[in-house]
Amino acid sequence: MEYDVIVIGGGAAGLSAGLTLARARRAVVVVDAGEPRNAPAEGVHGFLSQDGMPPADLLAAGRAEVTRYGGTVVDGVARGARRTAEGFEVDLDGGGRLAGRRLLVASGLVDELPEVAGLRERWGRDAVHCPYCHGWEVRDKPIGVLGAGTHAVDKALLFRQWSADVVLFTHTAAPPTVEEAERLAARGVRVVEGRVAAVEVSGDRVTGLRLSDGTVVAREVVAVTSRMVASSPVLADLGLKPVEHPMGLGAAYPAGPMGQTDVPGVWVAGNATDVMAQVVTAAAQGVMAAAAVNMDLVNEDAERALAGYRDGNSPATIP
């Protein structure tokens, strides 16, 4: 079967795109690898009417909505793609292949974490990155901000909004300037210099951060700045490359305001193009990109019908 649109990625962006296109009466398939970025989190936050819903439940509801309107969801990993006379072909793991007129990639990103023993195991639980996603859940707890990159001071001051007990560990970040140190001191944020070697855990909860000299500073939450990187073999096959975020936060695929890339017929949405997009933002981007894809197909359908009409044939009936 040839689809109107192949959507790569079954997260909030991809499923929202699939739902929008299915409701537009397009033949749409969503390819889902089943590895959502927020899988370790207990709940999705900041999503109006769905706050606190477990990520798996949100995605299950989204899948059901897509299929209810006639869309298809396929479990699998997209390994590559190529352009064809009619659009695109996408190769799936296991040897499967899909054909579609348009392609929308919403495959998200990967969080690259600092090399600190035990950090990855706590990711999404008591090692967090976004105060708007997790701040309320860690409010009033002792928070350790792990310095990395160029925004460590800003992150410490931001998390101070949720807790009066915040410690900034410089780790690999530059020590605060005199002015930054004054701002931190004014807000009661303590600075601990030196590299962090490990996250201390007891009873399945964080108890502190251990420095390379063996000193342990008691903490219950670790705030981390990850490097967020989008990488898609499908987009790579079509000649697209991720570019660095202007704030140094990672890399993603550039696109226009509605998600269109420089490759005709290819759109991106969610974290694949916006490393800072939260779940609700990614969902909105999926809707916008889907609307743009549908309009592109509407114009193509009209051109095809017009060509037949001018040739003296009956007008084409297109749903």
C-alpha atoms as a PDB file:
ATOM      1  CA  MET A   1       0.000   0.000   0.000  1.00  0.00           C
ATOM      2  CA  GLU A   2       1.185   3.511  -0.766  1.00  0.00           C
ATOM      3  CA  TYR A   3       0.340   6.012   1.934  1.00  0.00           C
ATOM      4  CA  ASP A   4      -0.243   9.711   1.571  1.00  0.00           C
ATOM      5  CA  VAL A   5       2.079  10.357   4.501  1.00  0.00           C
ATOM      6  CA  ILE A   6       4.621   8.301   6.420  1.00  0.00           C
ATOM      7  CA  VAL A   7       5.216   9.623   9.938  1.00  0.00           C
ATOM      8  CA  ILE A   8       8.430   8.467  11.627  1.00  0.00           C
ATOM      9  CA  GLY A   9       8.158   8.570  15.407  1.00  0.00           C
ATOM     10  CA  GLY A  10       5.259   7.627  17.683  1.00  0.00           C
ATOM     11  CA  GLY A  11       5.670  10.208  20.431  1.00  0.00           C
ATOM     12  CA  ALA A  12       3.512  13.253  21.085  1.00  0.00           C
ATOM     13  CA  ALA A  13       4.569  14.993  17.862  1.00  0.00           C
ATOM     14  CA  GLY A  14       4.237  11.970  15.591  1.00  0.00           C
ATOM     15  CA  LEU A  15       0.918  10.775  16.998  1.00  0.00           C
ATOM     16  CA  SER A  16      -0.555  14.285  16.919  1.00  0.00           C
ATOM     17  CA  ALA A  17       0.504  14.527  13.281  1.00  0.00           C
ATOM     18  CA  GLY A  18      -0.972  11.100  12.577  1.00  0.00           C
ATOM     19  CA  LEU A  19      -4.252  12.033  14.249  1.00  0.00           C
ATOM     20  CA  THR A  20      -4.532  15.293  12.324  1.00  0.00           C
ATOM     21  CA  LEU A  21      -3.822  13.593   9.012  1.00  0.00           C
ATOM     22  CA  ALA A  22      -6.198  10.706   9.696  1.00  0.00           C
ATOM     23  CA  ARG A  23      -8.957  13.179  10.506  1.00  0.00           C
ATOM     24  CA  ALA A  24      -8.116  14.894   7.217  1.00  0.00           C
ATOM     25  CA  ARG A  25      -8.947  11.567   5.522  1.00  0.00           C
ATOM     26  CA  ARG A  26      -5.352  10.939   4.525  1.00  0.00           C
ATOM     27  CA  ALA A  27      -3.887   7.460   4.348  1.00  0.00           C
ATOM     28  CA  VAL A  28      -1.276   7.848   7.084  1.00  0.00           C
ATOM     29  CA  VAL A  29       1.035   5.411   8.837  1.00  0.00           C
ATOM     30  CA  VAL A  30       2.988   6.157  12.024  1.00  0.00           C
ATOM     31  CA  VAL A  31       6.177   4.144  12.555  1.00  0.00           C
ATOM     32  CA  ASP A  32       6.982   3.817  16.255  1.00  0.00           C
ATOM     33  CA  ALA A  33      10.236   2.406  17.643  1.00  0.00           C
ATOM     34  CA  GLY A  34       8.701   2.306  21.143  1.00  0.00           C
ATOM     35  CA  GLU A  35      11.534   4.248  22.791  1.00  0.00           C
ATOM     36  CA  PRO A  36      10.055   7.575  23.969  1.00  0.00           C
ATOM     37  CA  ARG A  37      12.467  10.041  25.513  1.00  0.00           C
ATOM     38  CA  ASN A  38      10.300  10.510  28.611  1.00  0.00           C
ATOM     39  CA  ALA A  39       9.771   6.793  29.317  1.00  0.00           C
ATOM     40  CA  PRO A  40      11.555   6.898  32.733  1.00  0.00           C
ATOM     41  CA  ALA A  41       9.352   9.742  34.019  1.00  0.00           C
ATOM     42  CA  GLU A  42       6.399   8.983  36.278  1.00  0.00           C
ATOM     43  CA  GLY A  43       4.153  11.469  34.526  1.00  0.00           C
ATOM     44  CA  VAL A  44       3.780  14.064  31.804  1.00  0.00           C
ATOM     45  CA  HIS A  45       3.509  17.584  33.189  1.00  0.00           C
ATOM     46  CA  GLY A  46       2.431  20.922  31.791  1.00  0.00           C
ATOM     47  CA  PHE A  47       0.067  19.259  29.308  1.00  0.00           C
ATOM     48  CA  LEU A  48      -3.325  20.843  29.922  1.00  0.00           C
ATOM     49  CA  SER A  49      -5.942  18.282  31.035  1.00  0.00           C
ATOM     50  CA  GLN A  50      -3.345  15.467  30.974  1.00  0.00           C
ATOM     51  CA  ASP A  51      -1.027  16.631  33.757  1.00  0.00           C
ATOM     52  CA  GLY A  52       0.482  13.702  35.633  1.00  0.00           C
ATOM     53  CA  MET A  53      -0.562  11.052  33.099  1.00  0.00           C
ATOM     54  CA  PRO A  54       2.085   8.312  32.756  1.00  0.00           C
ATOM     55  CA  PRO A  55       3.901   8.689  29.402  1.00  0.00           C
ATOM     56  CA  ALA A  56       2.948   5.168  28.304  1.00  0.00           C
ATOM     57  CA  ASP A  57      -0.740   5.887  28.941  1.00  0.00           C
ATOM     58  CA  LEU A  58      -0.596   9.103  26.910  1.00  0.00           C
ATOM     59  CA  LEU A  59       0.975   7.304  23.952  1.00  0.00           C
ATOM     60  CA  ALA A  60      -1.487   4.409  24.189  1.00  0.00           C
ATOM     61  CA  ALA A  61      -4.380   6.884  24.097  1.00  0.00           C
ATOM     62  CA  GLY A  62      -2.785   8.636  21.120  1.00  0.00           C
ATOM     63  CA  ARG A  63      -2.386   5.385  19.212  1.00  0.00           C
ATOM     64  CA  ALA A  64      -6.006   4.511  19.829  1.00  0.00           C
ATOM     65  CA  GLU A  65      -7.146   7.891  18.529  1.00  0.00           C
ATOM     66  CA  VAL A  66      -5.038   7.611  15.360  1.00  0.00           C
ATOM     67  CA  THR A  67      -6.381   4.163  14.531  1.00  0.00           C
ATOM     68  CA  ARG A  68      -9.953   5.168  15.393  1.00  0.00           C
ATOM     69  CA  TYR A  69      -9.879   7.590  12.468  1.00  0.00           C
ATOM     70  CA  GLY A  70      -8.406   5.045  10.069  1.00  0.00           C
ATOM     71  CA  GLY A  71      -4.707   5.729  10.556  1.00  0.00           C
ATOM     72  CA  THR A  72      -2.165   2.919  10.889  1.00  0.00           C
ATOM     73  CA  VAL A  73       0.484   2.498  13.594  1.00  0.00           C
ATOM     74  CA  VAL A  74       3.400   0.175  12.862  1.00  0.00           C
ATOM     75  CA  ASP A  75       5.875  -1.016  15.502  1.00  0.00           C
ATOM     76  CA  GLY A  76       9.362  -0.816  14.069  1.00  0.00           C
ATOM     77  CA  VAL A  77      12.493   1.208  13.483  1.00  0.00           C
ATOM     78  CA  ALA A  78      13.009   3.244  10.326  1.00  0.00           C
ATOM     79  CA  ARG A  79      16.494   2.403   9.053  1.00  0.00           C
ATOM     80  CA  GLY A  80      16.689   4.568   5.943  1.00  0.00           C
ATOM     81  CA  ALA A  81      14.809   6.223   3.094  1.00  0.00           C
ATOM     82  CA  ARG A  82      15.039   7.139  -0.561  1.00  0.00           C
ATOM     83  CA  ARG A  83      13.135   9.330  -2.979  1.00  0.00           C
ATOM     84  CA  THR A  84      10.987   7.668  -5.639  1.00  0.00           C
ATOM     85  CA  ALA A  85       8.967   8.920  -8.581  1.00  0.00           C
ATOM     86  CA  GLU A  86       5.855   9.066  -6.399  1.00  0.00           C
ATOM     87  CA  GLY A  87       7.457  10.261  -3.172  1.00  0.00           C
ATOM     88  CA  PHE A  88       9.505   8.204  -0.738  1.00  0.00           C
ATOM     89  CA  GLU A  89      10.271   4.689   0.394  1.00  0.00           C
ATOM     90  CA  VAL A  90      11.232   3.973   3.998  1.00  0.00           C
ATOM     91  CA  ASP A  91      13.097   0.820   5.036  1.00  0.00           C
ATOM     92  CA  LEU A  92      12.147  -0.788   8.346  1.00  0.00           C
ATOM     93  CA  ASP A  93      14.118  -3.164  10.511  1.00  0.00           C
ATOM     94  CA  GLY A  94      13.370  -6.749   9.625  1.00  0.00           C
ATOM     95  CA  GLY A  95      13.161  -5.986   5.917  1.00  0.00           C
ATOM     96  CA  GLY A  96       9.827  -4.172   5.792  1.00  0.00           C
ATOM     97  CA  ARG A  97       9.281  -1.248   3.457  1.00  0.00           C
ATOM     98  CA  LEU A  98       6.734   1.577   3.279  1.00  0.00           C
ATOM     99  CA  ALA A  99       5.908   3.901   0.387  1.00  0.00           C
ATOM    100  CA  GLY A 100       4.401   7.349   0.765  1.00  0.00           C
ATOM    101  CA  ARG A 101       3.884  10.621  -1.065  1.00  0.00           C
ATOM    102  CA  ARG A 102       5.176  12.733   1.845  1.00  0.00           C
ATOM    103  CA  LEU A 103       7.407  12.158   4.854  1.00  0.00           C
ATOM    104  CA  LEU A 104       7.134  13.665   8.350  1.00  0.00           C
ATOM    105  CA  VAL A 105       9.919  12.835  10.813  1.00  0.00           C
ATOM    106  CA  ALA A 106       9.199  13.223  14.528  1.00  0.00           C
ATOM    107  CA  SER A 107      11.701  10.745  15.929  1.00  0.00           C
ATOM    108  CA  GLY A 108      12.781  12.900  18.870  1.00  0.00           C
ATOM    109  CA  LEU A 109      16.271  13.089  20.309  1.00  0.00           C
ATOM    110  CA  VAL A 110      18.742  11.465  22.686  1.00  0.00           C
ATOM    111  CA  ASP A 111      19.944  13.030  25.937  1.00  0.00           C
ATOM    112  CA  GLU A 112      23.714  12.784  26.252  1.00  0.00           C
ATOM    113  CA  LEU A 113      24.541  12.968  29.966  1.00  0.00           C
ATOM    114  CA  PRO A 114      27.766  13.946  31.728  1.00  0.00           C
ATOM    115  CA  GLU A 115      30.075  11.050  32.553  1.00  0.00           C
ATOM    116  CA  VAL A 116      29.152  10.581  36.208  1.00  0.00           C
ATOM    117  CA  ALA A 117      28.773   7.098  37.686  1.00  0.00           C
ATOM    118  CA  GLY A 118      25.164   6.244  38.524  1.00  0.00           C
ATOM    119  CA  LEU A 119      23.648   9.266  36.799  1.00  0.00           C
ATOM    120  CA  ARG A 120      22.057   7.465  33.843  1.00  0.00           C
ATOM    121  CA  GLU A 121      20.307   4.993  36.157  1.00  0.00           C
ATOM    122  CA  ARG A 122      18.522   7.859  37.957  1.00  0.00           C
ATOM    123  CA  TRP A 123      17.613   9.765  34.784  1.00  0.00           C
ATOM    124  CA  GLY A 124      13.990  10.889  34.697  1.00  0.00           C
ATOM    125  CA  ARG A 125      13.454   9.929  38.328  1.00  0.00           C
ATOM    126  CA  ASP A 126      15.534  11.980  40.777  1.00  0.00           C
ATOM    127  CA  ALA A 127      18.013  13.104  38.125  1.00  0.00           C
ATOM    128  CA  VAL A 128      16.078  15.690  36.128  1.00  0.00           C
ATOM    129  CA  HIS A 129      16.748  18.361  33.543  1.00  0.00           C
ATOM    130  CA  CYS A 130      13.675  20.593  33.208  1.00  0.00           C
ATOM    131  CA  PRO A 131      12.181  22.460  36.167  1.00  0.00           C
ATOM    132  CA  TYR A 132       8.948  23.042  34.267  1.00  0.00           C
ATOM    133  CA  CYS A 133       8.622  19.285  33.772  1.00  0.00           C
ATOM    134  CA  HIS A 134       9.789  18.164  37.230  1.00  0.00           C
ATOM    135  CA  GLY A 135      10.166  21.227  39.459  1.00  0.00           C
ATOM    136  CA  TRP A 136       6.904  20.788  41.340  1.00  0.00           C
ATOM    137  CA  GLU A 137       7.702  17.137  42.055  1.00  0.00           C
ATOM    138  CA  VAL A 138      11.105  18.013  43.590  1.00  0.00           C
ATOM    139  CA  ARG A 139       9.967  21.177  45.387  1.00  0.00           C
ATOM    140  CA  ASP A 140      11.576  21.906  48.752  1.00  0.00           C
ATOM    141  CA  LYS A 141      14.042  19.029  48.384  1.00  0.00           C
ATOM    142  CA  PRO A 142      17.833  19.455  48.560  1.00  0.00           C
ATOM    143  CA  ILE A 143      18.832  19.890  44.920  1.00  0.00           C
ATOM    144  CA  GLY A 144      22.299  19.579  43.443  1.00  0.00           C
ATOM    145  CA  VAL A 145      22.823  21.295  40.101  1.00  0.00           C
ATOM    146  CA  LEU A 146      25.539  19.539  38.110  1.00  0.00           C
ATOM    147  CA  GLY A 147      27.580  22.123  36.229  1.00  0.00           C
ATOM    148  CA  ALA A 148      28.132  21.366  32.560  1.00  0.00           C
ATOM    149  CA  GLY A 149      28.178  23.627  29.534  1.00  0.00           C
ATOM    150  CA  THR A 150      27.686  27.371  29.745  1.00  0.00           C
ATOM    151  CA  HIS A 151      24.412  27.736  31.631  1.00  0.00           C
ATOM    152  CA  ALA A 152      25.162  26.215  35.041  1.00  0.00           C
ATOM    153  CA  VAL A 153      24.576  29.425  36.992  1.00  0.00           C
ATOM    154  CA  ASP A 154      21.297  30.115  35.215  1.00  0.00           C
ATOM    155  CA  LYS A 155      20.136  26.570  35.961  1.00  0.00           C
ATOM    156  CA  ALA A 156      20.981  26.909  39.638  1.00  0.00           C
ATOM    157  CA  LEU A 157      19.092  30.191  39.896  1.00  0.00           C
ATOM    158  CA  LEU A 158      16.157  28.672  38.032  1.00  0.00           C
ATOM    159  CA  PHE A 159      15.854  25.651  40.334  1.00  0.00           C
ATOM    160  CA  ARG A 160      16.072  28.035  43.300  1.00  0.00           C
ATOM    161  CA  GLN A 161      12.484  28.947  42.388  1.00  0.00           C
ATOM    162  CA  TRP A 162      11.386  25.484  43.559  1.00  0.00           C
ATOM    163  CA  SER A 163      13.686  24.929  46.542  1.00  0.00           C
ATOM    164  CA  ALA A 164      15.556  27.036  49.070  1.00  0.00           C
ATOM    165  CA  ASP A 165      18.249  24.335  49.340  1.00  0.00           C
ATOM    166  CA  VAL A 166      20.209  24.414  46.087  1.00  0.00           C
ATOM    167  CA  VAL A 167      23.910  23.652  45.641  1.00  0.00           C
ATOM    168  CA  LEU A 168      25.768  24.308  42.402  1.00  0.00           C
ATOM    169  CA  PHE A 169      28.531  21.787  41.677  1.00  0.00           C
ATOM    170  CA  THR A 170      30.861  23.378  39.143  1.00  0.00           C
ATOM    171  CA  HIS A 171      32.002  19.956  37.859  1.00  0.00           C
ATOM    172  CA  THR A 172      33.177  20.661  34.288  1.00  0.00           C
ATOM    173  CA  ALA A 173      31.678  24.152  34.047  1.00  0.00           C
ATOM    174  CA  ALA A 174      33.731  27.303  34.528  1.00  0.00           C
ATOM    175  CA  PRO A 175      33.650  28.709  38.082  1.00  0.00           C
ATOM    176  CA  PRO A 176      31.119  31.525  38.509  1.00  0.00           C
ATOM    177  CA  THR A 177      32.344  35.018  37.786  1.00  0.00           C
ATOM    178  CA  VAL A 178      32.412  37.549  40.623  1.00  0.00           C
ATOM    179  CA  GLU A 179      29.048  38.921  39.553  1.00  0.00           C
ATOM    180  CA  GLU A 180      27.548  35.439  39.176  1.00  0.00           C
ATOM    181  CA  ALA A 181      28.878  34.419  42.583  1.00  0.00           C
ATOM    182  CA  GLU A 182      27.183  37.438  44.147  1.00  0.00           C
ATOM    183  CA  ARG A 183      23.883  36.590  42.480  1.00  0.00           C
ATOM    184  CA  LEU A 184      24.096  33.000  43.714  1.00  0.00           C
ATOM    185  CA  ALA A 185      25.012  34.107  47.235  1.00  0.00           C
ATOM    186  CA  ALA A 186      22.152  36.593  47.286  1.00  0.00           C
ATOM    187  CA  ARG A 187      19.755  33.741  46.551  1.00  0.00           C
ATOM    188  CA  GLY A 188      21.378  31.416  49.060  1.00  0.00           C
ATOM    189  CA  VAL A 189      22.846  29.037  46.472  1.00  0.00           C
ATOM    190  CA  ARG A 190      26.063  27.419  47.699  1.00  0.00           C
ATOM    191  CA  VAL A 191      28.851  26.644  45.202  1.00  0.00           C
ATOM    192  CA  VAL A 192      30.959  23.487  45.488  1.00  0.00           C
ATOM    193  CA  GLU A 193      34.004  23.343  43.234  1.00  0.00           C
ATOM    194  CA  GLY A 194      35.589  20.182  41.865  1.00  0.00           C
ATOM    195  CA  ARG A 195      34.494  17.322  39.665  1.00  0.00           C
ATOM    196  CA  VAL A 196      31.629  15.052  40.644  1.00  0.00           C
ATOM    197  CA  ALA A 197      32.586  11.383  40.442  1.00  0.00           C
ATOM    198  CA  ALA A 198      29.349   9.597  41.280  1.00  0.00           C
ATOM    199  CA  VAL A 199      25.757   9.792  42.377  1.00  0.00           C
ATOM    200  CA  GLU A 200      25.281   8.193  45.779  1.00  0.00           C
ATOM    201  CA  VAL A 201      22.170   6.017  46.059  1.00  0.00           C
ATOM    202  CA  SER A 202      20.591   4.205  48.991  1.00  0.00           C
ATOM    203  CA  GLY A 203      17.238   2.446  49.090  1.00  0.00           C
ATOM    204  CA  ASP A 204      16.551   3.339  45.445  1.00  0.00           C
ATOM    205  CA  ARG A 205      16.862   7.061  46.020  1.00  0.00           C
ATOM    206  CA  VAL A 206      19.604   9.648  45.577  1.00  0.00           C
ATOM    207  CA  THR A 207      21.332  10.567  48.805  1.00  0.00           C
ATOM    208  CA  GLY A 208      24.193  12.737  47.602  1.00  0.00           C
ATOM    209  CA  LEU A 209      26.910  13.565  45.106  1.00  0.00           C
ATOM    210  CA  ARG A 210      30.431  12.236  45.648  1.00  0.00           C
ATOM    211  CA  LEU A 211      33.325  14.403  44.510  1.00  0.00           C
ATOM    212  CA  SER A 212      36.536  13.041  43.038  1.00  0.00           C
ATOM    213  CA  ASP A 213      38.302  13.648  46.382  1.00  0.00           C
ATOM    214  CA  GLY A 214      35.786  11.394  48.147  1.00  0.00           C
ATOM    215  CA  THR A 215      33.724  14.142  49.753  1.00  0.00           C
ATOM    216  CA  VAL A 216      29.980  13.446  49.699  1.00  0.00           C
ATOM    217  CA  VAL A 217      27.520  16.332  49.683  1.00  0.00           C
ATOM    218  CA  ALA A 218      24.046  15.232  50.749  1.00  0.00           C
ATOM    219  CA  ARG A 219      21.406  15.839  48.066  1.00  0.00           C
ATOM    220  CA  GLU A 220      18.101  14.219  47.128  1.00  0.00           C
ATOM    221  CA  VAL A 221      17.790  15.503  43.562  1.00  0.00           C
ATOM    222  CA  VAL A 222      20.313  16.049  40.780  1.00  0.00           C
ATOM    223  CA  ALA A 223      19.536  18.707  38.163  1.00  0.00           C
ATOM    224  CA  VAL A 224      21.442  18.010  34.953  1.00  0.00           C
ATOM    225  CA  THR A 225      21.950  19.849  31.701  1.00  0.00           C
ATOM    226  CA  SER A 226      22.025  17.156  29.046  1.00  0.00           C
ATOM    227  CA  ARG A 227      23.261  17.626  25.512  1.00  0.00           C
ATOM    228  CA  MET A 228      20.178  16.994  23.385  1.00  0.00           C
ATOM    229  CA  VAL A 229      20.942  15.489  19.983  1.00  0.00           C
ATOM    230  CA  ALA A 230      18.531  14.550  17.194  1.00  0.00           C
ATOM    231  CA  SER A 231      19.825  12.009  14.708  1.00  0.00           C
ATOM    232  CA  SER A 232      17.793  10.279  12.008  1.00  0.00           C
ATOM    233  CA  PRO A 233      19.105   7.781   9.438  1.00  0.00           C
ATOM    234  CA  VAL A 234      16.039   8.598   7.348  1.00  0.00           C
ATOM    235  CA  LEU A 235      16.883  12.301   7.182  1.00  0.00           C
ATOM    236  CA  ALA A 236      20.570  11.531   6.681  1.00  0.00           C
ATOM    237  CA  ASP A 237      19.737   9.394   3.631  1.00  0.00           C
ATOM    238  CA  LEU A 238      17.819  12.343   2.193  1.00  0.00           C
ATOM    239  CA  GLY A 239      20.756  14.720   2.638  1.00  0.00           C
ATOM    240  CA  LEU A 240      19.729  16.529   5.823  1.00  0.00           C
ATOM    241  CA  LYS A 241      22.084  17.124   8.730  1.00  0.00           C
ATOM    242  CA  PRO A 242      21.423  18.382  12.283  1.00  0.00           C
ATOM    243  CA  VAL A 243      22.829  21.796  13.183  1.00  0.00           C
ATOM    244  CA  GLU A 244      24.027  23.117  16.512  1.00  0.00           C
ATOM    245  CA  HIS A 245      21.547  24.913  18.735  1.00  0.00           C
ATOM    246  CA  PRO A 246      22.417  28.641  19.043  1.00  0.00           C
ATOM    247  CA  MET A 247      22.594  28.318  22.850  1.00  0.00           C
ATOM    248  CA  GLY A 248      24.851  25.275  22.688  1.00  0.00           C
ATOM    249  CA  LEU A 249      22.162  22.909  24.006  1.00  0.00           C
ATOM    250  CA  GLY A 250      22.611  20.239  21.348  1.00  0.00           C
ATOM    251  CA  ALA A 251      21.752  19.672  17.699  1.00  0.00           C
ATOM    252  CA  ALA A 252      18.555  19.271  15.680  1.00  0.00           C
ATOM    253  CA  TYR A 253      17.255  19.530  12.125  1.00  0.00           C
ATOM    254  CA  PRO A 254      16.410  23.059  10.966  1.00  0.00           C
ATOM    255  CA  ALA A 255      12.970  23.717   9.526  1.00  0.00           C
ATOM    256  CA  GLY A 256      10.556  26.485   8.634  1.00  0.00           C
ATOM    257  CA  PRO A 257       7.758  27.658  10.941  1.00  0.00           C
ATOM    258  CA  MET A 258       5.465  24.817   9.810  1.00  0.00           C
ATOM    259  CA  GLY A 259       8.178  22.180   9.929  1.00  0.00           C
ATOM    260  CA  GLN A 260       9.167  22.025   6.269  1.00  0.00           C
ATOM    261  CA  THR A 261      12.812  21.130   5.623  1.00  0.00           C
ATOM    262  CA  ASP A 262      15.002  22.093   2.678  1.00  0.00           C
ATOM    263  CA  VAL A 263      14.121  18.773   1.032  1.00  0.00           C
ATOM    264  CA  PRO A 264      10.794  19.036  -0.833  1.00  0.00           C
ATOM    265  CA  GLY A 265       8.197  16.703   0.618  1.00  0.00           C
ATOM    266  CA  VAL A 266       9.931  16.261   3.967  1.00  0.00           C
ATOM    267  CA  TRP A 267       8.779  17.799   7.255  1.00  0.00           C
ATOM    268  CA  VAL A 268      10.028  17.532  10.840  1.00  0.00           C
ATOM    269  CA  ALA A 269       8.269  18.134  14.163  1.00  0.00           C
ATOM    270  CA  GLY A 270       8.907  17.943  17.906  1.00  0.00           C
ATOM    271  CA  ASN A 271      12.359  17.398  19.378  1.00  0.00           C
ATOM    272  CA  ALA A 272      13.714  16.364  15.979  1.00  0.00           C
ATOM    273  CA  THR A 273      13.711  20.069  15.130  1.00  0.00           C
ATOM    274  CA  ASP A 274      13.295  21.776  18.532  1.00  0.00           C
ATOM    275  CA  VAL A 275      15.467  20.450  21.351  1.00  0.00           C
ATOM    276  CA  MET A 276      13.607  22.553  23.936  1.00  0.00           C
ATOM    277  CA  ALA A 277      10.097  21.389  23.009  1.00  0.00           C
ATOM    278  CA  GLN A 278       8.153  19.876  25.888  1.00  0.00           C
ATOM    279  CA  VAL A 279       5.440  17.283  25.291  1.00  0.00           C
ATOM    280  CA  VAL A 280       2.668  19.821  24.766  1.00  0.00           C
ATOM    281  CA  THR A 281       4.896  21.867  22.436  1.00  0.00           C
ATOM    282  CA  ALA A 282       5.865  18.804  20.427  1.00  0.00           C
ATOM    283  CA  ALA A 283       2.215  17.823  20.075  1.00  0.00           C
ATOM    284  CA  ALA A 284       1.357  21.295  18.755  1.00  0.00           C
ATOM    285  CA  GLN A 285       4.234  21.162  16.286  1.00  0.00           C
ATOM    286  CA  GLY A 286       2.984  17.794  15.054  1.00  0.00           C
ATOM    287  CA  VAL A 287      -0.435  19.305  14.349  1.00  0.00           C
ATOM    288  CA  MET A 288       1.063  22.297  12.527  1.00  0.00           C
ATOM    289  CA  ALA A 289       3.359  20.151  10.387  1.00  0.00           C
ATOM    290  CA  ALA A 290       0.509  17.790   9.543  1.00  0.00           C
ATOM    291  CA  ALA A 291      -1.669  20.693   8.417  1.00  0.00           C
ATOM    292  CA  ALA A 292       1.153  21.933   6.195  1.00  0.00           C
ATOM    293  CA  VAL A 293       1.683  18.466   4.722  1.00  0.00           C
ATOM    294  CA  ASN A 294      -2.026  18.098   4.037  1.00  0.00           C
ATOM    295  CA  MET A 295      -2.175  21.469   2.280  1.00  0.00           C
ATOM    296  CA  ASP A 296       0.778  20.472   0.140  1.00  0.00           C
ATOM    297  CA  LEU A 297      -1.082  17.313  -0.864  1.00  0.00           C
ATOM    298  CA  VAL A 298      -4.278  19.292  -1.470  1.00  0.00           C
ATOM    299  CA  ASN A 299      -2.418  21.466  -3.957  1.00  0.00           C
ATOM    300  CA  GLU A 300      -0.885  18.448  -5.656  1.00  0.00           C
ATOM    301  CA  ASP A 301      -4.264  16.734  -5.870  1.00  0.00           C
ATOM    302  CA  ALA A 302      -5.763  19.873  -7.400  1.00  0.00           C
ATOM    303  CA  GLU A 303      -2.968  20.088  -9.991  1.00  0.00           C
ATOM    304  CA  ARG A 304      -3.457  16.458 -10.955  1.00  0.00           C
ATOM    305  CA  ALA A 305      -7.219  16.933 -11.259  1.00  0.00           C
ATOM    306  CA  LEU A 306      -6.721  20.105 -13.270  1.00  0.00           C
ATOM    307  CA  ALA A 307      -4.421  18.330 -15.716  1.00  0.00           C
ATOM    308  CA  GLY A 308      -7.060  15.651 -16.279  1.00  0.00           C
ATOM    309  CA  TYR A 309      -9.816  18.244 -16.621  1.00  0.00           C
ATOM    310  CA  ARG A 310      -7.877  20.144 -19.271  1.00  0.00           C
ATOM    311  CA  ASP A 311      -7.333  16.913 -21.169  1.00  0.00           C
ATOM    312  CA  GLY A 312     -11.084  16.550 -21.431  1.00  0.00           C
ATOM    313  CA  ASN A 313     -11.462  13.840 -18.827  1.00  0.00           C
ATOM    314  CA  SER A 314     -14.009  13.797 -16.062  1.00  0.00           C
ATOM    315  CA  PRO A 315     -13.010  15.693 -12.908  1.00  0.00           C
ATOM    316  CA  ALA A 316     -11.223  13.432 -10.464  1.00  0.00           C
ATOM    317  CA  THR A 317     -13.077  12.553  -7.287  1.00  0.00           C
ATOM    318  CA  ILE A 318     -10.640  12.953  -4.427  1.00  0.00           C
ATOM    319  CA  PRO A 319     -11.784  12.532  -0.809  1.00  0.00           C
END
